[in-house]
Amino acid sequence: MVMADANNISTNGNGNGNGNHYAVHVRSVTKTFGTGDATIHALREVQFDAREGELLMIVGPSGCGKTTLLSVIAGTLGFDSGEVDVFGSPLHSLSKGDITDFRAKNIGFIFQQFHLIPTLTNAENVSVPLLINGMKRAIAEKRAHELLEVVGLKGRGNHLPSQLSGGQQQRVAIARAMVHDPKLIICDEPTSALDKENGAKIMELLSSIARAPGRCVIVVTHDPRIYHFADRMTEMEDGRVARVHAAPENL
């Protein structure tokens, strides 16, 4: 039931959800940290695409550039050269203010450690993106309660995060990422802190979300237990995209 409900979450995207349209289009992106002998080449002429209607995983060893690429796509990290287009918006030619505005309206974030505010109820945590975008509190919290029900947490909106299990807290984090109806969901190690059963439930929910028209989910992970949930996998090495696997079992 949760998966069916998640598929019905609306989106403002114009895609058809069949995976044939680009959600993210990255070309020749480079990113360095430091100068001189201390220079670190985090991204080296990266070519990367993610499609509407898919759950794409980015995998590779620690330090290969996965999180840096994710941050560039999200608009939270600048880059030295290249082009990044997210759902038709060219981040490489937007001002910092425009990127911030685009991110607030179009991108949702899910993290390994949940990052819930412990003193806020679950519904208050979920409503934060709506409040940032200027929605009235009463309306925002009503929407938050509705979305918590969609992710399987009916009746838990007035509880604190500490009253939930790890898997339930990650569901709150997913609801928070979805509440402002973003086109792109970015997940950084969303299952690493969960056991196998809860990790699978979270990935089932994310997979169903990815199928919604005009939406895309990108997951950075080291967790081989969830590889089979990917529609495609991008494998990185030394700051570059080394291989793209059309089927996860080929990894």
Foldseek 3Di string as FASTA:
>chain_A
DLLVLLLPQDAPFDFALPFPAWQKWWFQFWAWDDDDPPIATLAGGAGDTGTANFEEEEEEDPSLNPVVVLCVQLLNDDTDDTWMAGSRRISVPDDSVVSVVCNLQAEFEAEQQLPFDQVAFLLVSLLVSVVVVPDDPVVSSVLSQVLLVSLPNHPRRRPGLVVDDPLSSSSSSVSSRPSSRHQEYEYEANPPVDDLVSSVSVLSNVSSNSSHGNHYYYYYHPDPSCLQSGCKYFYGGNNYGDDIGNGSVVD
